[in-house]
Amino acid sequence: MNRPATLRLLPWTSPEGKPCYLSTDKPDSPLSRLADDVEEDQLTCAYGVLAGARAVLADARAGEHALRFALTRAAESLRDALRVAESRGGAHGEGARGYDVAE
């Protein structure tokens, strides 16, 4: 017997910035595997961004441009990581405490 399809929050948004969901009863479908790969890439990238941000913060000579760049990349990576966590946790719509992860 097939299990009912569930909605999965995908790790990308529409061109209008709206969340995208996948409805499938096959967790190994091509689109599910693509979403898994994108999530893995996002989390791997986040580790690199974290290392870079730490390096900038440790450099007392880092200027405003370097700090702003590091913070911007860190915010993007945090957004992606929260989206992955929300997707894997099965929650849909707004994140914890009503924050919108897309903002």
N, C-alpha and C. Protein backbone atom coordinates (compact mmCIF):
# COMPACT_ATOMS: atom_id res chain seq x y z
N MET A 1 0.84 -1.18 0.00
CA MET A 1 0.00 0.00 0.00
C MET A 1 0.88 1.25 0.00
N ASN A 2 0.55 2.19 -0.84
CA ASN A 2 1.31 3.43 -0.94
C ASN A 2 0.98 4.36 0.21
N ARG A 3 2.01 5.05 0.71
CA ARG A 3 1.75 6.05 1.74
C ARG A 3 1.28 7.33 1.06
N PRO A 4 0.52 8.13 1.77
CA PRO A 4 0.01 9.37 1.16
C PRO A 4 1.14 10.35 0.88
N ALA A 5 0.96 11.12 -0.18
CA ALA A 5 1.95 12.13 -0.53
C ALA A 5 2.00 13.21 0.54
N THR A 6 3.21 13.65 0.85
CA THR A 6 3.37 14.76 1.79
C THR A 6 4.03 15.91 1.06
N LEU A 7 3.87 17.10 1.60
CA LEU A 7 4.50 18.28 1.01
C LEU A 7 5.91 18.43 1.58
N ARG A 8 6.84 18.64 0.69
CA ARG A 8 8.23 18.89 1.09
C ARG A 8 8.61 20.29 0.65
N LEU A 9 9.13 21.07 1.57
CA LEU A 9 9.64 22.39 1.25
C LEU A 9 10.94 22.21 0.47
N LEU A 10 11.00 22.77 -0.72
CA LEU A 10 12.20 22.63 -1.55
C LEU A 10 13.22 23.72 -1.21
N PRO A 11 14.49 23.45 -1.49
CA PRO A 11 15.54 24.40 -1.10
C PRO A 11 15.72 25.56 -2.08
N TRP A 12 14.69 25.89 -2.82
CA TRP A 12 14.73 27.05 -3.71
C TRP A 12 13.37 27.71 -3.70
N THR A 13 13.30 28.90 -4.23
CA THR A 13 12.04 29.64 -4.29
C THR A 13 11.68 29.89 -5.75
N SER A 14 10.45 30.34 -5.94
CA SER A 14 9.99 30.70 -7.29
C SER A 14 10.68 31.99 -7.70
N PRO A 15 10.57 32.37 -8.97
CA PRO A 15 11.16 33.65 -9.40
C PRO A 15 10.59 34.84 -8.62
N GLU A 16 9.39 34.67 -8.07
CA GLU A 16 8.78 35.74 -7.27
C GLU A 16 9.20 35.67 -5.80
N GLY A 17 10.05 34.70 -5.45
CA GLY A 17 10.52 34.56 -4.08
C GLY A 17 9.59 33.77 -3.17
N LYS A 18 8.61 33.09 -3.75
CA LYS A 18 7.67 32.30 -2.94
C LYS A 18 8.22 30.88 -2.75
N PRO A 19 7.84 30.25 -1.62
CA PRO A 19 8.33 28.89 -1.37
C PRO A 19 7.81 27.92 -2.42
N CYS A 20 8.61 26.90 -2.69
CA CYS A 20 8.22 25.83 -3.60
C CYS A 20 8.11 24.54 -2.80
N TYR A 21 7.09 23.77 -3.12
CA TYR A 21 6.85 22.51 -2.43
C TYR A 21 6.76 21.38 -3.44
N LEU A 22 7.12 20.19 -2.99
CA LEU A 22 7.01 18.99 -3.79
C LEU A 22 6.02 18.06 -3.11
N SER A 23 5.05 17.59 -3.86
CA SER A 23 4.09 16.62 -3.36
C SER A 23 4.39 15.29 -4.03
N THR A 24 4.90 14.35 -3.24
CA THR A 24 5.22 13.04 -3.80
C THR A 24 5.16 11.99 -2.71
N ASP A 25 4.90 10.77 -3.13
CA ASP A 25 4.96 9.65 -2.20
C ASP A 25 6.23 8.83 -2.43
N LYS A 26 7.14 9.40 -3.26
CA LYS A 26 8.39 8.71 -3.59
C LYS A 26 9.58 9.57 -3.17
N PRO A 27 10.16 9.29 -2.00
CA PRO A 27 11.29 10.10 -1.53
C PRO A 27 12.54 9.95 -2.38
N ASP A 28 12.57 8.97 -3.30
CA ASP A 28 13.72 8.81 -4.17
C ASP A 28 13.41 9.22 -5.61
N SER A 29 12.39 10.05 -5.78
CA SER A 29 12.07 10.56 -7.11
C SER A 29 13.20 11.47 -7.59
N PRO A 30 13.32 11.70 -8.90
CA PRO A 30 14.39 12.57 -9.40
C PRO A 30 14.39 13.97 -8.76
N LEU A 31 13.22 14.56 -8.58
CA LEU A 31 13.17 15.90 -7.98
C LEU A 31 13.53 15.85 -6.50
N SER A 32 13.13 14.79 -5.81
CA SER A 32 13.53 14.64 -4.40
C SER A 32 15.04 14.51 -4.28
N ARG A 33 15.64 13.72 -5.16
CA ARG A 33 17.10 13.56 -5.13
C ARG A 33 17.81 14.86 -5.47
N LEU A 34 17.26 15.62 -6.42
CA LEU A 34 17.85 16.92 -6.74
C LEU A 34 17.79 17.85 -5.53
N ALA A 35 16.64 17.87 -4.85
CA ALA A 35 16.49 18.70 -3.66
C ALA A 35 17.49 18.27 -2.57
N ASP A 36 17.66 16.95 -2.40
CA ASP A 36 18.65 16.45 -1.43
C ASP A 36 20.05 16.95 -1.77
N ASP A 37 20.39 16.89 -3.06
CA ASP A 37 21.73 17.33 -3.50
C ASP A 37 21.92 18.83 -3.27
N VAL A 38 20.89 19.62 -3.58
CA VAL A 38 20.99 21.07 -3.39
C VAL A 38 21.12 21.39 -1.91
N GLU A 39 20.34 20.72 -1.06
CA GLU A 39 20.46 20.94 0.38
C GLU A 39 21.86 20.60 0.88
N GLU A 40 22.39 19.49 0.42
CA GLU A 40 23.74 19.08 0.83
C GLU A 40 24.76 20.13 0.40
N ASP A 41 24.63 20.63 -0.82
CA ASP A 41 25.54 21.68 -1.31
C ASP A 41 25.41 22.95 -0.46
N GLN A 42 24.18 23.31 -0.10
CA GLN A 42 23.98 24.51 0.71
C GLN A 42 24.64 24.37 2.08
N LEU A 43 24.50 23.20 2.70
CA LEU A 43 25.10 22.99 4.01
C LEU A 43 26.63 22.94 3.92
N THR A 44 27.16 22.33 2.89
CA THR A 44 28.61 22.31 2.68
C THR A 44 29.13 23.73 2.49
N CYS A 45 28.43 24.51 1.70
CA CYS A 45 28.81 25.91 1.48
C CYS A 45 28.78 26.69 2.79
N ALA A 46 27.79 26.41 3.62
CA ALA A 46 27.66 27.13 4.89
C ALA A 46 28.88 26.92 5.78
N TYR A 47 29.45 25.72 5.77
CA TYR A 47 30.67 25.48 6.55
C TYR A 47 31.81 26.35 6.05
N GLY A 48 31.93 26.48 4.74
CA GLY A 48 32.97 27.33 4.17
C GLY A 48 32.76 28.80 4.51
N VAL A 49 31.51 29.23 4.44
CA VAL A 49 31.18 30.63 4.78
C VAL A 49 31.48 30.89 6.25
N LEU A 50 31.15 29.93 7.11
CA LEU A 50 31.45 30.09 8.53
C LEU A 50 32.95 30.24 8.77
N ALA A 51 33.74 29.42 8.11
CA ALA A 51 35.20 29.51 8.26
C ALA A 51 35.70 30.87 7.77
N GLY A 52 35.17 31.34 6.64
CA GLY A 52 35.57 32.64 6.12
C GLY A 52 35.17 33.78 7.04
N ALA A 53 33.96 33.71 7.59
CA ALA A 53 33.49 34.76 8.51
C ALA A 53 34.34 34.79 9.77
N ARG A 54 34.68 33.62 10.28
CA ARG A 54 35.54 33.57 11.47
C ARG A 54 36.90 34.18 11.19
N ALA A 55 37.43 33.92 10.00
CA ALA A 55 38.74 34.48 9.63
C ALA A 55 38.67 36.00 9.56
N VAL A 56 37.61 36.53 8.99
CA VAL A 56 37.45 38.00 8.90
C VAL A 56 37.31 38.58 10.29
N LEU A 57 36.52 37.96 11.13
CA LEU A 57 36.33 38.47 12.50
C LEU A 57 37.62 38.41 13.31
N ALA A 58 38.47 37.43 13.03
CA ALA A 58 39.73 37.31 13.76
C ALA A 58 40.78 38.30 13.28
N ASP A 59 40.56 38.91 12.12
CA ASP A 59 41.52 39.85 11.55
C ASP A 59 41.18 41.26 12.01
N ALA A 60 41.96 41.77 12.93
CA ALA A 60 41.70 43.11 13.48
C ALA A 60 41.82 44.19 12.41
N ARG A 61 42.48 43.89 11.31
CA ARG A 61 42.65 44.88 10.24
C ARG A 61 41.56 44.80 9.17
N ALA A 62 40.62 43.86 9.32
CA ALA A 62 39.55 43.71 8.32
C ALA A 62 38.73 45.00 8.27
N GLY A 63 38.53 45.47 7.08
CA GLY A 63 37.79 46.72 6.90
C GLY A 63 36.29 46.49 6.81
N GLU A 64 35.59 47.60 6.66
CA GLU A 64 34.13 47.56 6.59
C GLU A 64 33.65 46.68 5.44
N HIS A 65 34.29 46.80 4.27
CA HIS A 65 33.87 46.02 3.11
C HIS A 65 33.96 44.52 3.39
N ALA A 66 35.07 44.09 3.99
CA ALA A 66 35.26 42.67 4.30
C ALA A 66 34.23 42.20 5.32
N LEU A 67 33.97 43.01 6.32
CA LEU A 67 32.98 42.64 7.34
C LEU A 67 31.57 42.56 6.75
N ARG A 68 31.21 43.54 5.93
CA ARG A 68 29.89 43.54 5.32
C ARG A 68 29.73 42.34 4.38
N PHE A 69 30.78 42.03 3.61
CA PHE A 69 30.74 40.88 2.71
C PHE A 69 30.55 39.59 3.51
N ALA A 70 31.36 39.42 4.57
CA ALA A 70 31.27 38.22 5.38
C ALA A 70 29.89 38.09 6.03
N LEU A 71 29.36 39.18 6.53
CA LEU A 71 28.05 39.14 7.17
C LEU A 71 26.94 38.84 6.16
N THR A 72 27.05 39.40 4.98
CA THR A 72 26.06 39.13 3.93
C THR A 72 26.06 37.66 3.56
N ARG A 73 27.26 37.08 3.34
CA ARG A 73 27.34 35.66 2.98
C ARG A 73 26.85 34.80 4.15
N ALA A 74 27.18 35.19 5.38
CA ALA A 74 26.74 34.42 6.54
C ALA A 74 25.22 34.43 6.65
N ALA A 75 24.60 35.59 6.41
CA ALA A 75 23.14 35.68 6.46
C ALA A 75 22.50 34.81 5.38
N GLU A 76 23.08 34.79 4.19
CA GLU A 76 22.56 33.95 3.11
C GLU A 76 22.67 32.47 3.48
N SER A 77 23.81 32.08 4.03
CA SER A 77 24.01 30.69 4.40
C SER A 77 23.10 30.28 5.55
N LEU A 78 22.91 31.19 6.50
CA LEU A 78 22.01 30.89 7.61
C LEU A 78 20.58 30.72 7.10
N ARG A 79 20.16 31.57 6.18
CA ARG A 79 18.82 31.44 5.57
C ARG A 79 18.68 30.06 4.92
N ASP A 80 19.69 29.65 4.16
CA ASP A 80 19.64 28.36 3.48
C ASP A 80 19.61 27.21 4.49
N ALA A 81 20.44 27.29 5.52
CA ALA A 81 20.49 26.23 6.53
C ALA A 81 19.17 26.13 7.30
N LEU A 82 18.56 27.27 7.60
CA LEU A 82 17.26 27.25 8.28
C LEU A 82 16.19 26.64 7.38
N ARG A 83 16.26 26.93 6.10
CA ARG A 83 15.31 26.35 5.14
C ARG A 83 15.47 24.84 5.09
N VAL A 84 16.73 24.35 5.08
CA VAL A 84 16.98 22.92 5.09
C VAL A 84 16.42 22.31 6.38
N ALA A 85 16.68 22.95 7.51
CA ALA A 85 16.18 22.44 8.79
C ALA A 85 14.66 22.41 8.80
N GLU A 86 14.04 23.44 8.28
CA GLU A 86 12.57 23.49 8.22
C GLU A 86 12.05 22.38 7.33
N SER A 87 12.69 22.17 6.20
CA SER A 87 12.27 21.13 5.26
C SER A 87 12.42 19.75 5.89
N ARG A 88 13.53 19.50 6.51
CA ARG A 88 13.78 18.18 7.09
C ARG A 88 12.96 17.94 8.34
N GLY A 89 12.56 19.03 9.00
CA GLY A 89 11.73 18.90 10.18
C GLY A 89 10.26 18.72 9.85
N GLY A 90 9.92 18.91 8.59
CA GLY A 90 8.54 18.70 8.17
C GLY A 90 7.63 19.88 8.37
N ALA A 91 8.15 21.00 8.89
CA ALA A 91 7.31 22.18 9.08
C ALA A 91 7.13 22.88 7.75
N HIS A 92 6.01 23.54 7.60
CA HIS A 92 5.74 24.28 6.36
C HIS A 92 5.29 25.68 6.70
N GLY A 93 5.55 26.59 5.78
CA GLY A 93 5.14 27.97 6.00
C GLY A 93 6.17 28.73 6.79
N GLU A 94 5.76 29.32 7.88
CA GLU A 94 6.68 30.13 8.68
C GLU A 94 7.55 29.25 9.55
N GLY A 95 8.74 29.73 9.79
CA GLY A 95 9.68 29.01 10.63
C GLY A 95 9.33 29.16 12.10
N ALA A 96 10.27 28.77 12.93
CA ALA A 96 10.07 28.84 14.37
C ALA A 96 9.72 30.27 14.80
N ARG A 97 8.80 30.39 15.71
CA ARG A 97 8.38 31.66 16.28
C ARG A 97 7.86 32.65 15.25
N GLY A 98 7.39 32.15 14.11
CA GLY A 98 6.75 33.01 13.13
C GLY A 98 7.68 33.78 12.21
N TYR A 99 8.98 33.51 12.25
CA TYR A 99 9.90 34.19 11.35
C TYR A 99 9.82 33.56 9.98
N ASP A 100 9.86 34.38 8.96
CA ASP A 100 9.83 33.88 7.60
C ASP A 100 11.27 33.68 7.15
N VAL A 101 11.64 32.45 6.80
CA VAL A 101 13.01 32.15 6.44
C VAL A 101 13.42 32.84 5.14
N ALA A 102 12.48 33.23 4.31
CA ALA A 102 12.81 33.85 3.03
C ALA A 102 13.25 35.29 3.17
N GLU A 103 12.96 35.92 4.28
CA GLU A 103 13.31 37.34 4.45
C GLU A 103 14.80 37.54 4.52
